Each structure stands twice: as structure tokens, then as C-alpha cells.
């Protein structure tokens, strides 16, 4: 189950996808709502979950938006699914570095192209249609996000056919 909102590092998302694939796991998207965390601050909830082990929880799929990081992670699943009502919303990629904000335009463009090729290679390895990365490339940095309709999810191999 993937909840990637806020994962802005696409390399991390791809790494998570590779872990899923290496372990032969299926993937879907949603958020886990732990019963013991109801009404508690996030720090207290984190402390409850830290030891690991089973917890009473449910999958929440309300208002689910799967962005590019979500798709990169989802791609690693051996079987991939998205819940009914989910939205796949792809935005453009951009290189940002809070430690070096004054990176030249040429270097930013070069890095964007490099990472774009890395994403293309990864998605190809995971069986995702190359059309998906073409869509992201057309959006460009700061471009208007594109909603991928559910009718296109199987065509793009974002989801796998149900068994």
C-alpha cells in the first residue's frame, strides 16, 4: 500500500518500487489509518507504530491522488491496482536543491534530462508503457498537471489486469 504524498524525491520512489519488485510484492495506493492513533498527535502515533508488529488498522482510499512519485513506487508492484475513485495526476519534473539553489539553467536542464532517462529506463523495466513518461516530459517543469483517466490506466500498464 502506497501513500507517497509529500515524497518529492523521485529517486526514493523508484528505490521503493525496486524493493517491492525484489520482494515479489503487490502494490496499491491509499493511507493506513491505525485505530490506536485516532485523535492522537502525529508524534504520539509515530511512537505507537515505531516498535513494529501488528496494529488494528484500515485502508483509507478517500480523496486519493496518485502523483508521479506514487506511480513510480506503484510500478514496482508485481500486481498493481488503484482503488475506485482514485485519481492519477502527473506533474512535470524539476530539479531543485535547497542546498544549492543557484544551480545554472544548463545544469538543471541536463540533470532533468538525465533523470528523465533514468525514470524511462526504470518504468520500462517495470513494464509501464513509455507513453507515461512521454506525458510527464511534455508537461515540463512547472507545467499544468495532467489527470490520467481510469480508462487509460491499464493501457499505460499503471495497473495490471485483475486475475
C-alpha atoms as a PDB file:
ATOM      1  CA  UNK A   1       0.000   0.000   0.000  1.00  0.00           C
ATOM      2  CA  UNK A   2       1.467   3.309  -1.086  1.00  0.00           C
ATOM      3  CA  UNK A   3       0.996   6.714   0.452  1.00  0.00           C
ATOM      4  CA  UNK A   4       3.532   8.887  -1.299  1.00  0.00           C
ATOM      5  CA  UNK A   5       2.047  12.348  -0.942  1.00  0.00           C
ATOM      6  CA  UNK A   6       4.945  14.522   0.084  1.00  0.00           C
ATOM      7  CA  UNK A   7       7.604  12.169  -1.315  1.00  0.00           C
ATOM      8  CA  UNK A   8       9.254  14.679  -3.582  1.00  0.00           C
ATOM      9  CA  UNK A   9      12.380  12.640  -4.214  1.00  0.00           C
ATOM     10  CA  UNK A  10      11.599  10.570  -7.284  1.00  0.00           C
ATOM     11  CA  UNK A  11      14.779   8.538  -6.810  1.00  0.00           C
ATOM     12  CA  UNK A  12      13.456   7.399  -3.423  1.00  0.00           C
ATOM     13  CA  UNK A  13      10.118   6.496  -5.037  1.00  0.00           C
ATOM     14  CA  UNK A  14      11.902   4.368  -7.671  1.00  0.00           C
ATOM     15  CA  UNK A  15      14.007   2.716  -4.960  1.00  0.00           C
ATOM     16  CA  UNK A  16      10.853   1.814  -3.028  1.00  0.00           C
ATOM     17  CA  UNK A  17       9.413   0.364  -6.225  1.00  0.00           C
ATOM     18  CA  UNK A  18      12.511  -1.764  -6.738  1.00  0.00           C
ATOM     19  CA  UNK A  19      12.217  -3.080  -3.168  1.00  0.00           C
ATOM     20  CA  UNK A  20       8.595  -4.072  -3.853  1.00  0.00           C
ATOM     21  CA  UNK A  21       9.610  -5.880  -7.053  1.00  0.00           C
ATOM     22  CA  UNK A  22      12.636  -7.589  -5.478  1.00  0.00           C
ATOM     23  CA  UNK A  23      10.406  -8.964  -2.727  1.00  0.00           C
ATOM     24  CA  UNK A  24       7.646 -10.015  -5.141  1.00  0.00           C
ATOM     25  CA  UNK A  25       5.029  -7.793  -3.505  1.00  0.00           C
ATOM     26  CA  UNK A  26       1.784  -6.449  -4.927  1.00  0.00           C
ATOM     27  CA  UNK A  27       1.013  -2.735  -4.601  1.00  0.00           C
ATOM     28  CA  UNK A  28      -1.950  -0.422  -4.320  1.00  0.00           C
ATOM     29  CA  UNK A  29      -2.331   3.140  -3.083  1.00  0.00           C
ATOM     30  CA  UNK A  30      -4.019   4.533  -0.016  1.00  0.00           C
ATOM     31  CA  UNK A  31      -3.356   5.619   3.535  1.00  0.00           C
ATOM     32  CA  UNK A  32      -3.311   3.409   6.596  1.00  0.00           C
ATOM     33  CA  UNK A  33      -5.429   4.633   9.470  1.00  0.00           C
ATOM     34  CA  UNK A  34      -4.282   2.979  12.694  1.00  0.00           C
ATOM     35  CA  UNK A  35      -7.121   2.652  15.214  1.00  0.00           C
ATOM     36  CA  UNK A  36      -4.830   3.365  18.209  1.00  0.00           C
ATOM     37  CA  UNK A  37      -3.835   6.693  16.611  1.00  0.00           C
ATOM     38  CA  UNK A  38      -7.356   8.112  16.391  1.00  0.00           C
ATOM     39  CA  UNK A  39      -7.347  11.620  17.860  1.00  0.00           C
ATOM     40  CA  UNK A  40      -3.675  11.477  18.836  1.00  0.00           C
ATOM     41  CA  UNK A  41      -0.981  13.889  17.635  1.00  0.00           C
ATOM     42  CA  UNK A  42       1.307  12.580  14.880  1.00  0.00           C
ATOM     43  CA  UNK A  43       4.327  12.307  17.210  1.00  0.00           C
ATOM     44  CA  UNK A  44       2.392  10.118  19.647  1.00  0.00           C
ATOM     45  CA  UNK A  45       1.081   7.983  16.779  1.00  0.00           C
ATOM     46  CA  UNK A  46       4.619   7.564  15.433  1.00  0.00           C
ATOM     47  CA  UNK A  47       5.733   6.333  18.869  1.00  0.00           C
ATOM     48  CA  UNK A  48       2.907   3.774  18.883  1.00  0.00           C
ATOM     49  CA  UNK A  49       3.915   2.450  15.452  1.00  0.00           C
ATOM     50  CA  UNK A  50       7.686   2.517  15.982  1.00  0.00           C
ATOM     51  CA  UNK A  51       8.090  -0.892  17.681  1.00  0.00           C
ATOM     52  CA  UNK A  52       6.555  -2.621  14.651  1.00  0.00           C
ATOM     53  CA  UNK A  53       4.247  -5.568  14.849  1.00  0.00           C
ATOM     54  CA  UNK A  54       0.558  -5.845  14.017  1.00  0.00           C
ATOM     55  CA  UNK A  55      -1.830  -2.991  14.701  1.00  0.00           C
ATOM     56  CA  UNK A  56      -5.558  -2.706  14.079  1.00  0.00           C
ATOM     57  CA  UNK A  57      -5.822  -0.516  11.005  1.00  0.00           C
ATOM     58  CA  UNK A  58      -7.833   0.055   7.870  1.00  0.00           C
ATOM     59  CA  UNK A  59      -7.004   1.260   4.383  1.00  0.00           C
ATOM     60  CA  UNK A  60      -8.436   4.662   3.539  1.00  0.00           C
ATOM     61  CA  UNK A  61      -8.826   5.490  -0.121  1.00  0.00           C
ATOM     62  CA  UNK A  62     -10.972   8.595   0.112  1.00  0.00           C
ATOM     63  CA  UNK A  63      -9.775  11.541  -1.980  1.00  0.00           C
ATOM     64  CA  UNK A  64      -6.787   9.510  -3.155  1.00  0.00           C
ATOM     65  CA  UNK A  65      -4.425  11.239  -5.590  1.00  0.00           C
ATOM     66  CA  UNK A  66      -1.582   9.190  -7.051  1.00  0.00           C
ATOM     67  CA  UNK A  67       1.129  11.562  -8.306  1.00  0.00           C
ATOM     68  CA  UNK A  68       4.297  10.709 -10.246  1.00  0.00           C
ATOM     69  CA  UNK A  69       6.121   9.539  -7.094  1.00  0.00           C
ATOM     70  CA  UNK A  70       3.161   7.267  -6.332  1.00  0.00           C
ATOM     71  CA  UNK A  71       3.231   5.852  -9.880  1.00  0.00           C
ATOM     72  CA  UNK A  72       6.995   5.239  -9.650  1.00  0.00           C
ATOM     73  CA  UNK A  73       6.534   3.309  -6.411  1.00  0.00           C
ATOM     74  CA  UNK A  74       3.388   1.519  -7.621  1.00  0.00           C
ATOM     75  CA  UNK A  75       5.262   0.410 -10.752  1.00  0.00           C
ATOM     76  CA  UNK A  76       7.397  -1.895  -8.617  1.00  0.00           C
ATOM     77  CA  UNK A  77       4.439  -3.994  -7.563  1.00  0.00           C
ATOM     78  CA  UNK A  78       4.211  -7.378  -9.242  1.00  0.00           C
ATOM     79  CA  UNK A  79       0.451  -6.809  -9.410  1.00  0.00           C
ATOM     80  CA  UNK A  80      -0.639  -3.168  -9.327  1.00  0.00           C
ATOM     81  CA  UNK A  81      -4.062  -1.765  -8.542  1.00  0.00           C
ATOM     82  CA  UNK A  82      -5.676   1.526  -7.713  1.00  0.00           C
ATOM     83  CA  UNK A  83      -8.911   1.796  -5.778  1.00  0.00           C
ATOM     84  CA  UNK A  84     -12.092   3.022  -7.418  1.00  0.00           C
ATOM     85  CA  UNK A  85     -12.308   6.796  -7.154  1.00  0.00           C
ATOM     86  CA  UNK A  86      -8.535   7.288  -7.150  1.00  0.00           C
ATOM     87  CA  UNK A  87      -7.032   9.935  -9.426  1.00  0.00           C
ATOM     88  CA  UNK A  88      -3.699   9.698 -11.203  1.00  0.00           C
ATOM     89  CA  UNK A  89      -2.365  13.233 -11.542  1.00  0.00           C
ATOM     90  CA  UNK A  90       1.015  13.683 -13.191  1.00  0.00           C
ATOM     91  CA  UNK A  91       3.028  16.857 -12.943  1.00  0.00           C
ATOM     92  CA  UNK A  92       6.269  17.897 -14.548  1.00  0.00           C
ATOM     93  CA  UNK A  93       9.643  17.095 -13.101  1.00  0.00           C
ATOM     94  CA  UNK A  94      12.070  19.692 -11.944  1.00  0.00           C
ATOM     95  CA  UNK A  95      15.465  19.647 -10.306  1.00  0.00           C
ATOM     96  CA  UNK A  96      15.607  21.562  -7.067  1.00  0.00           C
ATOM     97  CA  UNK A  97      18.325  21.583  -4.476  1.00  0.00           C
ATOM     98  CA  UNK A  98      17.717  23.518  -1.293  1.00  0.00           C
ATOM     99  CA  UNK A  99      21.458  23.373  -0.554  1.00  0.00           C
ATOM    100  CA  UNK A 100      22.431  24.784  -3.957  1.00  0.00           C
ATOM    101  CA  UNK A 101      19.508  26.913  -5.139  1.00  0.00           C
ATOM    102  CA  UNK A 102      21.615  28.818  -7.677  1.00  0.00           C
ATOM    103  CA  UNK A 103      22.313  25.866  -9.981  1.00  0.00           C
ATOM    104  CA  UNK A 104      22.661  27.114 -13.545  1.00  0.00           C
ATOM    105  CA  UNK A 105      19.823  26.645 -16.016  1.00  0.00           C
ATOM    106  CA  UNK A 106      22.048  24.482 -18.208  1.00  0.00           C
ATOM    107  CA  UNK A 107      22.918  22.170 -15.332  1.00  0.00           C
ATOM    108  CA  UNK A 108      19.264  21.938 -14.241  1.00  0.00           C
ATOM    109  CA  UNK A 109      18.193  21.061 -17.796  1.00  0.00           C
ATOM    110  CA  UNK A 110      20.982  18.485 -18.092  1.00  0.00           C
ATOM    111  CA  UNK A 111      20.022  16.867 -14.787  1.00  0.00           C
ATOM    112  CA  UNK A 112      16.331  16.890 -15.718  1.00  0.00           C
ATOM    113  CA  UNK A 113      17.179  15.089 -18.964  1.00  0.00           C
ATOM    114  CA  UNK A 114      19.443  12.611 -17.158  1.00  0.00           C
ATOM    115  CA  UNK A 115      16.856  11.741 -14.516  1.00  0.00           C
ATOM    116  CA  UNK A 116      14.146  11.614 -17.183  1.00  0.00           C
ATOM    117  CA  UNK A 117      16.123   8.893 -18.944  1.00  0.00           C
ATOM    118  CA  UNK A 118      16.614   7.078 -15.636  1.00  0.00           C
ATOM    119  CA  UNK A 119      12.838   7.190 -14.993  1.00  0.00           C
ATOM    120  CA  UNK A 120      12.159   5.991 -18.542  1.00  0.00           C
ATOM    121  CA  UNK A 121      14.552   3.042 -18.075  1.00  0.00           C
ATOM    122  CA  UNK A 122      13.068   2.148 -14.664  1.00  0.00           C
ATOM    123  CA  UNK A 123       9.458   2.327 -15.877  1.00  0.00           C
ATOM    124  CA  UNK A 124      10.340   0.227 -18.912  1.00  0.00           C
ATOM    125  CA  UNK A 125      11.923  -2.403 -16.623  1.00  0.00           C
ATOM    126  CA  UNK A 126       8.740  -2.413 -14.543  1.00  0.00           C
ATOM    127  CA  UNK A 127       6.524  -2.894 -17.589  1.00  0.00           C
ATOM    128  CA  UNK A 128       4.993   0.584 -17.700  1.00  0.00           C
ATOM    129  CA  UNK A 129       4.181   1.905 -21.182  1.00  0.00           C
ATOM    130  CA  UNK A 130       6.689   4.508 -22.453  1.00  0.00           C
ATOM    131  CA  UNK A 131       3.733   6.801 -23.215  1.00  0.00           C
ATOM    132  CA  UNK A 132       3.533   7.610 -19.498  1.00  0.00           C
ATOM    133  CA  UNK A 133       6.970   9.222 -19.307  1.00  0.00           C
ATOM    134  CA  UNK A 134       6.240  10.981 -22.607  1.00  0.00           C
ATOM    135  CA  UNK A 135       3.269  12.632 -20.882  1.00  0.00           C
ATOM    136  CA  UNK A 136       5.469  13.756 -17.978  1.00  0.00           C
ATOM    137  CA  UNK A 137       8.116  15.067 -20.387  1.00  0.00           C
ATOM    138  CA  UNK A 138       5.503  17.120 -22.279  1.00  0.00           C
ATOM    139  CA  UNK A 139       4.316  18.743 -19.056  1.00  0.00           C
ATOM    140  CA  UNK A 140       7.769  20.150 -18.375  1.00  0.00           C
ATOM    141  CA  UNK A 141       8.832  21.949 -15.224  1.00  0.00           C
ATOM    142  CA  UNK A 142       6.024  23.979 -13.717  1.00  0.00           C
ATOM    143  CA  UNK A 143       3.531  22.897 -16.386  1.00  0.00           C
ATOM    144  CA  UNK A 144      -0.124  22.209 -15.788  1.00  0.00           C
ATOM    145  CA  UNK A 145      -0.689  18.736 -14.220  1.00  0.00           C
ATOM    146  CA  UNK A 146      -2.396  16.084 -16.345  1.00  0.00           C
ATOM    147  CA  UNK A 147      -5.106  13.778 -14.999  1.00  0.00           C
ATOM    148  CA  UNK A 148      -4.820  10.274 -16.433  1.00  0.00           C
ATOM    149  CA  UNK A 149      -8.353   8.857 -16.712  1.00  0.00           C
ATOM    150  CA  UNK A 150      -9.021   5.388 -15.248  1.00  0.00           C
ATOM    151  CA  UNK A 151      -9.764   4.114 -18.770  1.00  0.00           C
ATOM    152  CA  UNK A 152      -6.053   4.672 -19.608  1.00  0.00           C
ATOM    153  CA  UNK A 153      -4.553   3.039 -16.514  1.00  0.00           C
ATOM    154  CA  UNK A 154      -4.479  -0.471 -17.985  1.00  0.00           C
ATOM    155  CA  UNK A 155      -3.320   0.771 -21.432  1.00  0.00           C
ATOM    156  CA  UNK A 156      -0.366   2.531 -19.780  1.00  0.00           C
ATOM    157  CA  UNK A 157       0.179  -0.505 -17.506  1.00  0.00           C
ATOM    158  CA  UNK A 158      -0.106   1.652 -14.388  1.00  0.00           C
ATOM    159  CA  UNK A 159      -2.357  -1.145 -13.128  1.00  0.00           C
ATOM    160  CA  UNK A 160      -2.111  -4.795 -14.043  1.00  0.00           C
ATOM    161  CA  UNK A 161      -5.076  -6.852 -15.276  1.00  0.00           C
ATOM    162  CA  UNK A 162      -7.073  -8.354 -12.416  1.00  0.00           C
ATOM    163  CA  UNK A 163      -6.624 -12.096 -12.006  1.00  0.00           C
END
